[in-house]
PDB file of N, CA and C in Angstrom:
ATOM      1  N   MET A   1      12.538  71.537 -85.053  1.00  0.00           N
ATOM      2  CA  MET A   1      11.886  71.361 -85.760  1.00  0.00           C
ATOM      3  C   MET A   1      10.484  71.325 -84.683  1.00  0.00           C
ATOM      4  N   THR A   2       9.379  71.924 -84.949  1.00  0.00           N
ATOM      5  CA  THR A   2       8.246  71.329 -84.032  1.00  0.00           C
ATOM      6  C   THR A   2       7.845  70.209 -84.431  1.00  0.00           C
ATOM      7  N   LEU A   3       7.125  69.477 -83.422  1.00  0.00           N
ATOM      8  CA  LEU A   3       6.643  68.045 -82.680  1.00  0.00           C
ATOM      9  C   LEU A   3       5.065  68.204 -83.444  1.00  0.00           C
ATOM     10  N   ASP A   4       4.916  69.543 -83.198  1.00  0.00           N
ATOM     11  CA  ASP A   4       3.343  70.070 -82.625  1.00  0.00           C
ATOM     12  C   ASP A   4       2.981  71.182 -83.798  1.00  0.00           C
ATOM     13  N   PRO A   5       2.694  71.103 -85.035  1.00  0.00           N
ATOM     14  CA  PRO A   5       2.720  73.014 -86.268  1.00  0.00           C
ATOM     15  C   PRO A   5       1.012  73.062 -85.812  1.00  0.00           C
ATOM     16  N   GLN A   6       0.102  72.366 -85.237  1.00  0.00           N
ATOM     17  CA  GLN A   6      -1.128  72.778 -84.656  1.00  0.00           C
ATOM     18  C   GLN A   6      -0.972  74.041 -83.530  1.00  0.00           C
ATOM     19  N   ARG A   7      -0.121  73.715 -82.632  1.00  0.00           N
ATOM     20  CA  ARG A   7       0.246  74.423 -81.364  1.00  0.00           C
ATOM     21  C   ARG A   7       1.439  75.819 -81.662  1.00  0.00           C
ATOM     22  N   ASP A   8       2.309  75.008 -82.187  1.00  0.00           N
ATOM     23  CA  ASP A   8       4.011  75.668 -82.487  1.00  0.00           C
ATOM     24  C   ASP A   8       4.066  76.964 -83.912  1.00  0.00           C
ATOM     25  N   THR A   9       2.980  77.473 -83.787  1.00  0.00           N
ATOM     26  CA  THR A   9       3.133  78.448 -85.664  1.00  0.00           C
ATOM     27  C   THR A   9       4.640  79.032 -85.555  1.00  0.00           C
ATOM     28  N   PRO A  10       4.450  79.427 -87.099  1.00  0.00           N
ATOM     29  CA  PRO A  10       5.869  80.334 -87.427  1.00  0.00           C
ATOM     30  C   PRO A  10       6.315  81.662 -86.303  1.00  0.00           C
ATOM     31  N   ALA A  11       5.026  82.390 -85.832  1.00  0.00           N
ATOM     32  CA  ALA A  11       5.629  83.460 -84.718  1.00  0.00           C
ATOM     33  C   ALA A  11       5.646  82.931 -83.374  1.00  0.00           C
ATOM     34  N   ILE A  12       4.943  81.752 -82.915  1.00  0.00           N
ATOM     35  CA  ILE A  12       5.576  81.157 -81.702  1.00  0.00           C
ATOM     36  C   ILE A  12       6.652  80.326 -81.912  1.00  0.00           C
ATOM     37  N   LEU A  13       6.945  79.886 -83.060  1.00  0.00           N
ATOM     38  CA  LEU A  13       8.193  79.665 -83.137  1.00  0.00           C
ATOM     39  C   LEU A  13       9.467  80.461 -83.094  1.00  0.00           C
ATOM     40  N   ARG A  14       9.019  81.654 -83.927  1.00  0.00           N
ATOM     41  CA  ARG A  14      10.101  83.023 -83.810  1.00  0.00           C
ATOM     42  C   ARG A  14      10.298  83.575 -82.423  1.00  0.00           C
ATOM     43  N   ASN A  15      10.164  83.222 -81.179  1.00  0.00           N
ATOM     44  CA  ASN A  15      10.319  83.551 -80.349  1.00  0.00           C
ATOM     45  C   ASN A  15      10.726  82.783 -79.643  1.00  0.00           C
ATOM     46  N   TYR A  16      10.534  81.399 -79.453  1.00  0.00           N
ATOM     47  CA  TYR A  16      10.989  80.394 -78.647  1.00  0.00           C
ATOM     48  C   TYR A  16      12.275  80.017 -79.432  1.00  0.00           C
ATOM     49  N   VAL A  17      12.541  79.509 -80.330  1.00  0.00           N
ATOM     50  CA  VAL A  17      13.933  79.294 -80.801  1.00  0.00           C
ATOM     51  C   VAL A  17      15.245  80.159 -80.318  1.00  0.00           C
ATOM     52  N   PRO A  18      15.309  81.231 -80.908  1.00  0.00           N
ATOM     53  CA  PRO A  18      16.331  82.243 -80.295  1.00  0.00           C
ATOM     54  C   PRO A  18      16.467  82.246 -78.859  1.00  0.00           C
ATOM     55  N   ALA A  19      15.171  81.623 -78.222  1.00  0.00           N
ATOM     56  CA  ALA A  19      16.140  81.227 -76.842  1.00  0.00           C
ATOM     57  C   ALA A  19      17.044  80.709 -76.270  1.00  0.00           C
ATOM     58  N   PHE A  20      16.931  79.772 -77.156  1.00  0.00           N
ATOM     59  CA  PHE A  20      17.790  78.575 -77.039  1.00  0.00           C
ATOM     60  C   PHE A  20      19.581  78.875 -77.489  1.00  0.00           C
ATOM     61  N   ASN A  21      19.295  79.857 -79.012  1.00  0.00           N
ATOM     62  CA  ASN A  21      20.543  79.936 -79.294  1.00  0.00           C
ATOM     63  C   ASN A  21      20.188  81.722 -80.397  1.00  0.00           C
ATOM     64  N   PRO A  22      20.530  82.406 -80.918  1.00  0.00           N
ATOM     65  CA  PRO A  22      20.333  83.538 -81.452  1.00  0.00           C
ATOM     66  C   PRO A  22      20.531  83.008 -82.839  1.00  0.00           C
ATOM     67  N   ASN A  23      21.546  82.150 -83.096  1.00  0.00           N
ATOM     68  CA  ASN A  23      22.123  81.707 -84.447  1.00  0.00           C
ATOM     69  C   ASN A  23      21.006  80.481 -84.629  1.00  0.00           C
ATOM     70  N   PHE A  24      20.137  79.790 -83.583  1.00  0.00           N
ATOM     71  CA  PHE A  24      19.200  78.941 -84.305  1.00  0.00           C
ATOM     72  C   PHE A  24      18.253  78.979 -85.202  1.00  0.00           C
ATOM     73  N   LEU A  25      17.870  78.023 -85.660  1.00  0.00           N
ATOM     74  CA  LEU A  25      16.840  78.311 -86.826  1.00  0.00           C
ATOM     75  C   LEU A  25      15.701  77.128 -86.708  1.00  0.00           C
ATOM     76  N   GLY A  26      14.364  77.625 -86.863  1.00  0.00           N
ATOM     77  CA  GLY A  26      13.453  76.694 -86.311  1.00  0.00           C
ATOM     78  C   GLY A  26      12.588  75.521 -87.731  1.00  0.00           C
ATOM     79  N   LEU A  27      12.076  75.182 -87.533  1.00  0.00           N
ATOM     80  CA  LEU A  27      11.967  74.167 -88.721  1.00  0.00           C
ATOM     81  C   LEU A  27      10.119  74.082 -88.583  1.00  0.00           C
ATOM     82  N   TYR A  28       9.432  74.403 -89.478  1.00  0.00           N
ATOM     83  CA  TYR A  28       8.020  74.676 -89.431  1.00  0.00           C
ATOM     84  C   TYR A  28       7.496  73.926 -90.477  1.00  0.00           C
ATOM     85  N   ALA A  29       6.398  73.182 -90.547  1.00  0.00           N
ATOM     86  CA  ALA A  29       5.789  72.388 -91.695  1.00  0.00           C
ATOM     87  C   ALA A  29       4.266  72.148 -91.721  1.00  0.00           C
ATOM     88  N   ASP A  30       3.159  71.883 -92.079  1.00  0.00           N
ATOM     89  CA  ASP A  30       1.997  71.511 -91.792  1.00  0.00           C
ATOM     90  C   ASP A  30       2.171  69.782 -91.717  1.00  0.00           C
ATOM     91  N   ALA A  31       0.894  69.386 -90.793  1.00  0.00           N
ATOM     92  CA  ALA A  31       0.739  68.333 -90.605  1.00  0.00           C
ATOM     93  C   ALA A  31       1.531  66.615 -90.999  1.00  0.00           C
ATOM     94  N   ASP A  32       0.768  66.925 -92.059  1.00  0.00           N
ATOM     95  CA  ASP A  32       1.553  66.434 -93.142  1.00  0.00           C
ATOM     96  C   ASP A  32       3.673  66.010 -93.562  1.00  0.00           C
ATOM     97  N   VAL A  33       3.694  67.164 -93.514  1.00  0.00           N
ATOM     98  CA  VAL A  33       5.025  66.554 -93.768  1.00  0.00           C
ATOM     99  C   VAL A  33       5.731  66.801 -92.551  1.00  0.00           C
ATOM    100  N   THR A  34       5.299  66.786 -91.620  1.00  0.00           N
ATOM    101  CA  THR A  34       5.948  66.709 -90.239  1.00  0.00           C
ATOM    102  C   THR A  34       6.115  65.427 -89.549  1.00  0.00           C
ATOM    103  N   LYS A  35       4.586  65.040 -89.907  1.00  0.00           N
ATOM    104  CA  LYS A  35       5.098  63.708 -90.179  1.00  0.00           C
ATOM    105  C   LYS A  35       5.898  62.333 -90.647  1.00  0.00           C
ATOM    106  N   GLN A  36       5.899  63.421 -91.955  1.00  0.00           N
ATOM    107  CA  GLN A  36       7.095  62.436 -92.919  1.00  0.00           C
ATOM    108  C   GLN A  36       8.466  62.853 -92.380  1.00  0.00           C
ATOM    109  N   LEU A  37       8.531  63.770 -91.613  1.00  0.00           N
ATOM    110  CA  LEU A  37      10.048  64.466 -90.880  1.00  0.00           C
ATOM    111  C   LEU A  37      10.187  63.429 -89.804  1.00  0.00           C
ATOM    112  N   ILE A  38       9.251  63.281 -89.094  1.00  0.00           N
ATOM    113  CA  ILE A  38       9.729  62.565 -88.361  1.00  0.00           C
ATOM    114  C   ILE A  38       9.889  61.151 -88.801  1.00  0.00           C
ATOM    115  N   ARG A  39       9.429  60.452 -89.586  1.00  0.00           N
ATOM    116  CA  ARG A  39       9.614  59.238 -90.099  1.00  0.00           C
ATOM    117  C   ARG A  39      11.030  59.121 -90.424  1.00  0.00           C
ATOM    118  N   ASP A  40      11.109  60.211 -91.424  1.00  0.00           N
ATOM    119  CA  ASP A  40      12.891  60.267 -91.752  1.00  0.00           C
ATOM    120  C   ASP A  40      14.235  60.445 -90.945  1.00  0.00           C
ATOM    121  N   PHE A  41      13.354  61.177 -89.562  1.00  0.00           N
ATOM    122  CA  PHE A  41      14.857  61.700 -88.771  1.00  0.00           C
ATOM    123  C   PHE A  41      14.348  60.647 -87.467  1.00  0.00           C
ATOM    124  N   LYS A  42      13.723  59.610 -87.847  1.00  0.00           N
ATOM    125  CA  LYS A  42      13.643  58.622 -86.938  1.00  0.00           C
ATOM    126  C   LYS A  42      13.455  59.267 -85.543  1.00  0.00           C
ATOM    127  N   VAL A  43      12.865  60.059 -85.446  1.00  0.00           N
ATOM    128  CA  VAL A  43      12.195  60.964 -84.094  1.00  0.00           C
ATOM    129  C   VAL A  43      11.153  59.983 -83.360  1.00  0.00           C
ATOM    130  N   SER A  44      11.316  60.362 -81.892  1.00  0.00           N
ATOM    131  CA  SER A  44      10.405  59.183 -80.823  1.00  0.00           C
ATOM    132  C   SER A  44       9.612  60.678 -79.935  1.00  0.00           C
ATOM    133  N   TYR A  45       8.956  60.484 -80.081  1.00  0.00           N
ATOM    134  CA  TYR A  45       7.997  61.881 -79.433  1.00  0.00           C
ATOM    135  C   TYR A  45       6.826  60.870 -79.006  1.00  0.00           C
ATOM    136  N   GLU A  46       5.983  61.343 -77.503  1.00  0.00           N
ATOM    137  CA  GLU A  46       4.970  61.199 -76.776  1.00  0.00           C
ATOM    138  C   GLU A  46       4.140  62.256 -76.152  1.00  0.00           C
ATOM    139  N   LYS A  47       3.336  62.943 -76.531  1.00  0.00           N
ATOM    140  CA  LYS A  47       2.250  64.242 -75.840  1.00  0.00           C
ATOM    141  C   LYS A  47       2.149  63.794 -74.507  1.00  0.00           C
ATOM    142  N   ILE A  48       2.761  64.634 -73.800  1.00  0.00           N
ATOM    143  CA  ILE A  48       2.165  64.051 -72.456  1.00  0.00           C
ATOM    144  C   ILE A  48       1.558  65.125 -71.263  1.00  0.00           C
ATOM    145  N   PRO A  49       0.403  64.473 -71.384  1.00  0.00           N
ATOM    146  CA  PRO A  49      -0.700  65.666 -70.582  1.00  0.00           C
ATOM    147  C   PRO A  49      -0.496  66.306 -69.458  1.00  0.00           C
ATOM    148  N   GLY A  50      -1.092  67.806 -69.525  1.00  0.00           N
ATOM    149  CA  GLY A  50      -0.842  68.386 -68.705  1.00  0.00           C
ATOM    150  C   GLY A  50      -2.133  68.936 -67.558  1.00  0.00           C
ATOM    151  N   LYS A  51      -2.084  69.598 -66.894  1.00  0.00           N
ATOM    152  CA  LYS A  51      -3.227  69.999 -65.792  1.00  0.00           C
ATOM    153  C   LYS A  51      -4.749  70.127 -66.423  1.00  0.00           C
ATOM    154  N   THR A  52      -4.187  71.040 -67.624  1.00  0.00           N
ATOM    155  CA  THR A  52      -5.136  71.755 -68.795  1.00  0.00           C
ATOM    156  C   THR A  52      -5.042  70.904 -70.176  1.00  0.00           C
ATOM    157  N   PRO A  53      -5.910  70.839 -71.136  1.00  0.00           N
ATOM    158  CA  PRO A  53      -5.758  70.689 -72.536  1.00  0.00           C
ATOM    159  C   PRO A  53      -5.192  71.240 -73.602  1.00  0.00           C
ATOM    160  N   THR A  54      -4.026  71.993 -72.803  1.00  0.00           N
ATOM    161  CA  THR A  54      -3.716  72.579 -73.701  1.00  0.00           C
ATOM    162  C   THR A  54      -2.508  73.211 -73.051  1.00  0.00           C
ATOM    163  N   SER A  55      -1.950  72.489 -71.777  1.00  0.00           N
ATOM    164  CA  SER A  55      -0.628  72.728 -71.384  1.00  0.00           C
ATOM    165  C   SER A  55       0.034  71.480 -71.169  1.00  0.00           C
ATOM    166  N   TYR A  56      -0.244  70.586 -72.115  1.00  0.00           N
ATOM    167  CA  TYR A  56       0.504  69.224 -72.579  1.00  0.00           C
ATOM    168  C   TYR A  56       1.971  70.120 -72.645  1.00  0.00           C
ATOM    169  N   THR A  57       2.850  68.687 -72.794  1.00  0.00           N
ATOM    170  CA  THR A  57       4.218  69.030 -73.327  1.00  0.00           C
ATOM    171  C   THR A  57       4.351  67.851 -73.926  1.00  0.00           C
ATOM    172  N   ILE A  58       5.776  67.817 -74.805  1.00  0.00           N
ATOM    173  CA  ILE A  58       5.801  66.651 -75.705  1.00  0.00           C
ATOM    174  C   ILE A  58       7.284  66.473 -75.710  1.00  0.00           C
ATOM    175  N   ASP A  59       7.390  65.179 -74.894  1.00  0.00           N
ATOM    176  CA  ASP A  59       8.799  64.643 -74.703  1.00  0.00           C
ATOM    177  C   ASP A  59       9.024  63.969 -75.981  1.00  0.00           C
ATOM    178  N   HIS A  60      10.176  64.374 -76.473  1.00  0.00           N
ATOM    179  CA  HIS A  60      11.355  63.959 -77.754  1.00  0.00           C
ATOM    180  C   HIS A  60      12.522  62.867 -77.715  1.00  0.00           C
ATOM    181  N   SER A  61      13.100  62.394 -78.838  1.00  0.00           N
ATOM    182  CA  SER A  61      13.920  62.017 -78.744  1.00  0.00           C
ATOM    183  C   SER A  61      15.410  63.120 -78.950  1.00  0.00           C
ATOM    184  N   VAL A  62      16.080  63.309 -78.766  1.00  0.00           N
ATOM    185  CA  VAL A  62      17.333  64.148 -78.969  1.00  0.00           C
ATOM    186  C   VAL A  62      18.604  63.862 -79.293  1.00  0.00           C
ATOM    187  N   TYR A  63      19.268  64.261 -80.718  1.00  0.00           N
ATOM    188  CA  TYR A  63      19.792  63.848 -81.211  1.00  0.00           C
ATOM    189  C   TYR A  63      20.658  64.973 -81.782  1.00  0.00           C
ATOM    190  N   THR A  64      22.025  64.852 -82.390  1.00  0.00           N
ATOM    191  CA  THR A  64      22.471  65.834 -82.969  1.00  0.00           C
ATOM    192  C   THR A  64      22.574  65.413 -84.431  1.00  0.00           C
ATOM    193  N   TYR A  65      22.244  65.888 -86.171  1.00  0.00           N
ATOM    194  CA  TYR A  65      22.528  65.378 -87.154  1.00  0.00           C
ATOM    195  C   TYR A  65      23.457  66.016 -87.405  1.00  0.00           C
ATOM    196  N   VAL A  66      24.558  65.694 -87.862  1.00  0.00           N
ATOM    197  CA  VAL A  66      25.511  66.333 -89.130  1.00  0.00           C
ATOM    198  C   VAL A  66      25.508  65.717 -90.455  1.00  0.00           C
ATOM    199  N   PHE A  67      25.462  66.573 -90.833  1.00  0.00           N
ATOM    200  CA  PHE A  67      25.444  66.715 -92.859  1.00  0.00           C
ATOM    201  C   PHE A  67      26.133  67.760 -93.389  1.00  0.00           C
ATOM    202  N   ASP A  68      26.950  66.353 -94.512  1.00  0.00           N
ATOM    203  CA  ASP A  68      28.184  67.267 -95.377  1.00  0.00           C
ATOM    204  C   ASP A  68      27.732  68.513 -96.334  1.00  0.00           C
ATOM    205  N   ALA A  69      28.425  68.699 -96.559  1.00  0.00           N
ATOM    206  CA  ALA A  69      28.735  70.241 -97.427  1.00  0.00           C
ATOM    207  C   ALA A  69      27.436  69.968 -98.865  1.00  0.00           C
ATOM    208  N   ARG A  70      27.197  68.768 -99.068  1.00  0.00           N
ATOM    209  CA  ARG A  70      26.567  67.647-100.089  1.00  0.00           C
ATOM    210  C   ARG A  70      24.998  67.828 -99.753  1.00  0.00           C
ATOM    211  N   GLY A  71      24.645  67.843 -98.112  1.00  0.00           N
ATOM    212  CA  GLY A  71      23.440  67.548 -97.710  1.00  0.00           C
ATOM    213  C   GLY A  71      23.032  66.384 -97.147  1.00  0.00           C
ATOM    214  N   ARG A  72      24.549  65.219 -97.578  1.00  0.00           N
ATOM    215  CA  ARG A  72      24.247  63.931 -97.010  1.00  0.00           C
ATOM    216  C   ARG A  72      24.484  63.525 -95.263  1.00  0.00           C
ATOM    217  N   LEU A  73      23.423  62.890 -94.654  1.00  0.00           N
ATOM    218  CA  LEU A  73      23.749  63.106 -93.295  1.00  0.00           C
ATOM    219  C   LEU A  73      25.125  62.056 -92.554  1.00  0.00           C
ATOM    220  N   ARG A  74      25.895  61.811 -92.241  1.00  0.00           N
ATOM    221  CA  ARG A  74      27.158  61.920 -92.096  1.00  0.00           C
ATOM    222  C   ARG A  74      27.072  61.508 -90.516  1.00  0.00           C
ATOM    223  N   LEU A  75      26.859  62.023 -89.566  1.00  0.00           N
ATOM    224  CA  LEU A  75      27.101  61.418 -88.218  1.00  0.00           C
ATOM    225  C   LEU A  75      25.618  62.086 -87.337  1.00  0.00           C
ATOM    226  N   LEU A  76      25.573  61.062 -86.652  1.00  0.00           N
ATOM    227  CA  LEU A  76      23.785  60.760 -85.768  1.00  0.00           C
ATOM    228  C   LEU A  76      24.474  61.241 -84.441  1.00  0.00           C
ATOM    229  N   MET A  77      24.613  62.000 -83.678  1.00  0.00           N
ATOM    230  CA  MET A  77      25.059  61.530 -82.831  1.00  0.00           C
ATOM    231  C   MET A  77      23.898  62.295 -81.235  1.00  0.00           C
ATOM    232  N   ALA A  78      24.094  61.196 -80.216  1.00  0.00           N
ATOM    233  CA  ALA A  78      23.185  61.044 -78.948  1.00  0.00           C
ATOM    234  C   ALA A  78      23.660  61.910 -78.103  1.00  0.00           C
ATOM    235  N   PRO A  79      22.756  62.148 -76.854  1.00  0.00           N
ATOM    236  CA  PRO A  79      23.255  63.344 -76.158  1.00  0.00           C
ATOM    237  C   PRO A  79      24.409  62.183 -75.099  1.00  0.00           C
ATOM    238  N   THR A  80      23.937  60.932 -74.885  1.00  0.00           N
ATOM    239  CA  THR A  80      24.834  60.349 -74.273  1.00  0.00           C
ATOM    240  C   THR A  80      26.242  59.754 -74.211  1.00  0.00           C
ATOM    241  N   GLU A  81      26.840  60.036 -76.099  1.00  0.00           N
ATOM    242  CA  GLU A  81      27.657  59.620 -76.661  1.00  0.00           C
ATOM    243  C   GLU A  81      28.703  60.582 -75.708  1.00  0.00           C
ATOM    244  N   PRO A  82      30.270  60.030 -75.592  1.00  0.00           N
ATOM    245  CA  PRO A  82      31.296  60.782 -74.785  1.00  0.00           C
ATOM    246  C   PRO A  82      31.251  62.403 -75.635  1.00  0.00           C
ATOM    247  N   THR A  83      31.585  63.268 -75.213  1.00  0.00           N
ATOM    248  CA  THR A  83      32.130  64.102 -75.799  1.00  0.00           C
ATOM    249  C   THR A  83      33.843  63.693 -76.648  1.00  0.00           C
ATOM    250  N   GLU A  84      34.387  63.213 -76.247  1.00  0.00           N
ATOM    251  CA  GLU A  84      35.778  62.937 -76.823  1.00  0.00           C
ATOM    252  C   GLU A  84      34.957  62.038 -78.314  1.00  0.00           C
ATOM    253  N   GLN A  85      34.056  61.549 -77.842  1.00  0.00           N
ATOM    254  CA  GLN A  85      33.956  60.156 -79.383  1.00  0.00           C
ATOM    255  C   GLN A  85      33.563  61.357 -79.997  1.00  0.00           C
ATOM    256  N   LYS A  86      32.330  62.466 -79.755  1.00  0.00           N
ATOM    257  CA  LYS A  86      31.722  62.848 -81.130  1.00  0.00           C
ATOM    258  C   LYS A  86      33.108  64.262 -81.344  1.00  0.00           C
ATOM    259  N   LEU A  87      33.879  64.757 -80.557  1.00  0.00           N
ATOM    260  CA  LEU A  87      34.931  65.574 -80.935  1.00  0.00           C
ATOM    261  C   LEU A  87      35.886  64.729 -81.897  1.00  0.00           C
ATOM    262  N   GLU A  88      35.716  63.217 -81.994  1.00  0.00           N
ATOM    263  CA  GLU A  88      36.770  62.397 -82.399  1.00  0.00           C
ATOM    264  C   GLU A  88      36.430  62.245 -84.089  1.00  0.00           C
ATOM    265  N   ASP A  89      34.415  61.878 -84.043  1.00  0.00           N
ATOM    266  CA  ASP A  89      34.112  62.165 -84.981  1.00  0.00           C
ATOM    267  C   ASP A  89      33.894  63.166 -86.343  1.00  0.00           C
ATOM    268  N   LEU A  90      33.429  64.442 -85.468  1.00  0.00           N
ATOM    269  CA  LEU A  90      33.578  65.879 -86.001  1.00  0.00           C
ATOM    270  C   LEU A  90      35.443  66.026 -87.124  1.00  0.00           C
ATOM    271  N   ARG A  91      36.288  65.475 -86.028  1.00  0.00           N
ATOM    272  CA  ARG A  91      37.913  65.690 -86.888  1.00  0.00           C
ATOM    273  C   ARG A  91      38.029  65.063 -87.615  1.00  0.00           C
ATOM    274  N   ALA A  92      37.830  63.349 -87.905  1.00  0.00           N
ATOM    275  CA  ALA A  92      37.559  62.695 -89.126  1.00  0.00           C
ATOM    276  C   ALA A  92      36.913  63.318 -90.100  1.00  0.00           C
ATOM    277  N   LEU A  93      35.493  63.505 -89.766  1.00  0.00           N
ATOM    278  CA  LEU A  93      34.757  63.838 -91.054  1.00  0.00           C
ATOM    279  C   LEU A  93      34.854  65.437 -91.385  1.00  0.00           C
ATOM    280  N   ALA A  94      35.728  66.277 -90.901  1.00  0.00           N
ATOM    281  CA  ALA A  94      36.236  67.512 -91.428  1.00  0.00           C
ATOM    282  C   ALA A  94      37.737  67.357 -92.062  1.00  0.00           C
ATOM    283  N   ALA A  95      38.416  65.866 -91.589  1.00  0.00           N
ATOM    284  CA  ALA A  95      39.395  65.979 -92.467  1.00  0.00           C
ATOM    285  C   ALA A  95      39.003  64.725 -93.779  1.00  0.00           C
ATOM    286  N   GLY A  96      38.190  64.535 -94.086  1.00  0.00           N
ATOM    287  CA  GLY A  96      37.972  63.988 -95.256  1.00  0.00           C
ATOM    288  C   GLY A  96      37.638  62.159 -94.597  1.00  0.00           C
ATOM    289  N   THR A  97      38.084  61.374 -93.964  1.00  0.00           N
ATOM    290  CA  THR A  97      37.963  60.220 -93.442  1.00  0.00           C
ATOM    291  C   THR A  97      36.950  59.261 -93.147  1.00  0.00           C
TER     292      THR A  97
END
């Protein structure tokens, strides 16, 4: 999801997102919807000025959101969480426990 819909247009995202993984999808919305998604997903972010007004970056929280087949959020995994714990949580979710 872009946190900067004014800069990160759908055309830019079409080229940027697959650079991480060709199977990834990017989420784009207008500024109002983006603000609501930021609140809903509890994203924290900060605009970091660059050398020019257009060369800024955006630092942001990084979580993995795991949803079940009904679209319910089931896991929120932090990058600092040990891999074994993530695997245990995913196995439990897959097993229905």
